Amino acid sequence: MKATVTLLISLLFLISCGKSSIRVQNNLPRAVLKNVEWGGVPLSSQLLPGETSSQISIWNDSYYDIDLPASHPLQFYLELNGDRIYLQTKMEYRLGKKQDLLIVVEDTTGVFNPLTVAKQ
């Protein structure tokens, strides 16, 4: 019995030590970010100005099918003054093993609409 408990605790410790986490923060003054994703991982359904998403844990054997380290752009809908546009960051954000990543979206963040860019 003690060996089983020790084994379970050891496995939980190994799993928790290998995970990484990711969050996103909306620093746009009047804009709402919706359906925020990184590499297909949903980070938040909605972020009001000044809000930070919950921490999402990712590890190599997790539900999200991402092998760390990985680099992906942030994708989201931006709502401002009643208009909505789909955007993607020009920069890719790298999440390494055992890393905590905070992505901050602000007015200097480079973005584009991938739906209007011709594929080359």
Protein backbone atom coordinates (compact mmCIF):
# COMPACT_ATOMS: atom_id res chain seq x y z
CA MET A 1 0.00 0.00 0.00
CA LYS A 2 2.78 2.42 0.93
CA ALA A 3 4.62 1.62 -2.30
CA THR A 4 1.50 2.40 -4.35
CA VAL A 5 0.98 5.74 -2.60
CA THR A 6 4.65 6.64 -3.03
CA LEU A 7 4.48 5.73 -6.72
CA LEU A 8 1.37 7.87 -7.27
CA ILE A 9 2.91 10.85 -5.49
CA SER A 10 6.10 10.47 -7.54
CA LEU A 11 4.13 10.35 -10.80
CA LEU A 12 2.14 13.45 -9.86
CA PHE A 13 5.36 15.26 -9.00
CA LEU A 14 6.96 14.32 -12.33
CA ILE A 15 3.90 15.43 -14.28
CA SER A 16 3.60 18.74 -12.45
CA CYS A 17 7.31 19.52 -12.84
CA GLY A 18 7.25 19.07 -16.62
CA LYS A 19 4.34 21.34 -17.41
CA SER A 20 4.44 24.81 -18.86
CA SER A 21 1.79 27.48 -18.65
CA ILE A 22 0.55 30.29 -20.85
CA ARG A 23 -1.61 33.38 -20.22
CA VAL A 24 -2.57 36.40 -22.29
CA GLN A 25 -3.23 39.96 -21.13
CA ASN A 26 -5.31 42.58 -22.96
CA ASN A 27 -3.72 46.02 -22.61
CA LEU A 28 -5.79 47.63 -25.38
CA PRO A 29 -7.72 50.53 -23.82
CA ARG A 30 -11.16 50.16 -25.44
CA ALA A 31 -10.96 46.84 -27.28
CA VAL A 32 -12.24 43.42 -26.29
CA LEU A 33 -10.34 40.29 -27.36
CA LYS A 34 -12.49 37.24 -28.11
CA ASN A 35 -11.71 33.58 -28.84
CA VAL A 36 -8.01 33.98 -28.09
CA GLU A 37 -5.89 31.01 -29.21
CA TRP A 38 -2.22 30.05 -29.35
CA GLY A 39 -1.35 27.06 -31.53
CA GLY A 40 -4.94 25.82 -31.40
CA VAL A 41 -5.02 26.05 -27.61
CA PRO A 42 -7.98 28.16 -26.43
CA LEU A 43 -6.70 30.72 -23.90
CA SER A 44 -9.80 32.83 -23.33
CA SER A 45 -13.28 33.30 -24.74
CA GLN A 46 -13.22 37.02 -23.87
CA LEU A 47 -10.74 39.48 -22.39
CA LEU A 48 -11.86 42.96 -21.43
CA PRO A 49 -9.34 45.83 -21.36
CA GLY A 50 -6.80 45.25 -18.58
CA GLU A 51 -7.84 41.63 -18.03
CA THR A 52 -5.50 38.63 -17.94
CA SER A 53 -6.64 35.14 -18.87
CA SER A 54 -6.49 32.15 -16.56
CA GLN A 55 -3.29 30.15 -16.63
CA ILE A 56 -3.48 27.23 -19.09
CA SER A 57 -1.13 24.33 -18.36
CA ILE A 58 0.48 22.50 -21.26
CA TRP A 59 2.84 19.53 -21.26
CA ASN A 60 3.94 17.17 -24.02
CA ASP A 61 1.38 14.47 -23.23
CA SER A 62 -1.46 16.89 -22.61
CA TYR A 63 -4.82 17.15 -24.30
CA TYR A 64 -3.62 19.88 -26.69
CA ASP A 65 -1.23 17.75 -28.80
CA ILE A 66 1.61 20.29 -28.71
CA ASP A 67 5.24 19.21 -28.46
CA LEU A 68 7.20 21.68 -26.37
CA PRO A 69 9.11 23.78 -27.11
CA ALA A 70 6.71 25.31 -29.64
CA SER A 71 6.24 28.69 -31.31
CA HIS A 72 2.90 30.00 -32.56
CA PRO A 73 1.28 33.35 -33.22
CA LEU A 74 -1.66 34.52 -31.13
CA GLN A 75 -5.01 34.52 -32.94
CA PHE A 76 -8.12 36.36 -31.80
CA TYR A 77 -11.10 38.50 -32.72
CA LEU A 78 -10.80 42.17 -31.79
CA GLU A 79 -14.00 44.07 -31.03
CA LEU A 80 -13.88 47.87 -31.02
CA ASN A 81 -16.78 50.32 -31.36
CA GLY A 82 -19.16 47.54 -32.42
CA ASP A 83 -16.89 46.22 -35.18
CA ARG A 84 -15.15 42.85 -35.09
CA ILE A 85 -12.05 41.73 -37.02
CA TYR A 86 -10.05 38.49 -36.97
CA LEU A 87 -6.35 39.11 -36.28
CA GLN A 88 -3.12 37.20 -35.85
CA THR A 89 0.10 38.51 -34.37
CA LYS A 90 3.07 38.91 -36.69
CA MET A 91 5.30 37.58 -33.94
CA GLU A 92 5.31 33.96 -32.87
CA TYR A 93 5.48 33.36 -29.13
CA ARG A 94 7.71 30.51 -27.94
CA LEU A 95 6.69 28.31 -25.03
CA GLY A 96 9.46 26.10 -23.74
CA LYS A 97 9.42 23.18 -21.37
CA LYS A 98 8.80 24.17 -17.74
CA GLN A 99 8.19 27.79 -18.76
CA ASP A 100 5.50 30.28 -17.78
CA LEU A 101 4.64 32.59 -20.69
CA LEU A 102 2.63 35.81 -20.45
CA ILE A 103 1.68 37.33 -23.82
CA VAL A 104 0.69 40.99 -23.59
CA VAL A 105 -1.43 42.47 -26.39
CA GLU A 106 -1.07 46.24 -26.56
CA ASP A 107 -1.34 49.00 -29.15
CA THR A 108 2.22 48.34 -30.37
CA THR A 109 1.61 44.61 -30.99
CA GLY A 110 2.06 43.87 -34.70
CA VAL A 111 -1.02 42.14 -36.15
CA PHE A 112 -2.59 41.34 -39.52
CA ASN A 113 -5.74 39.70 -40.84
CA PRO A 114 -4.68 36.31 -42.25
CA LEU A 115 -7.99 36.04 -44.13
CA THR A 116 -7.07 38.99 -46.38
CA VAL A 117 -3.45 38.00 -47.06
CA ALA A 118 -2.92 36.00 -50.27
CA LYS A 119 -1.13 32.69 -49.70
CA GLN A 120 2.19 32.50 -51.51
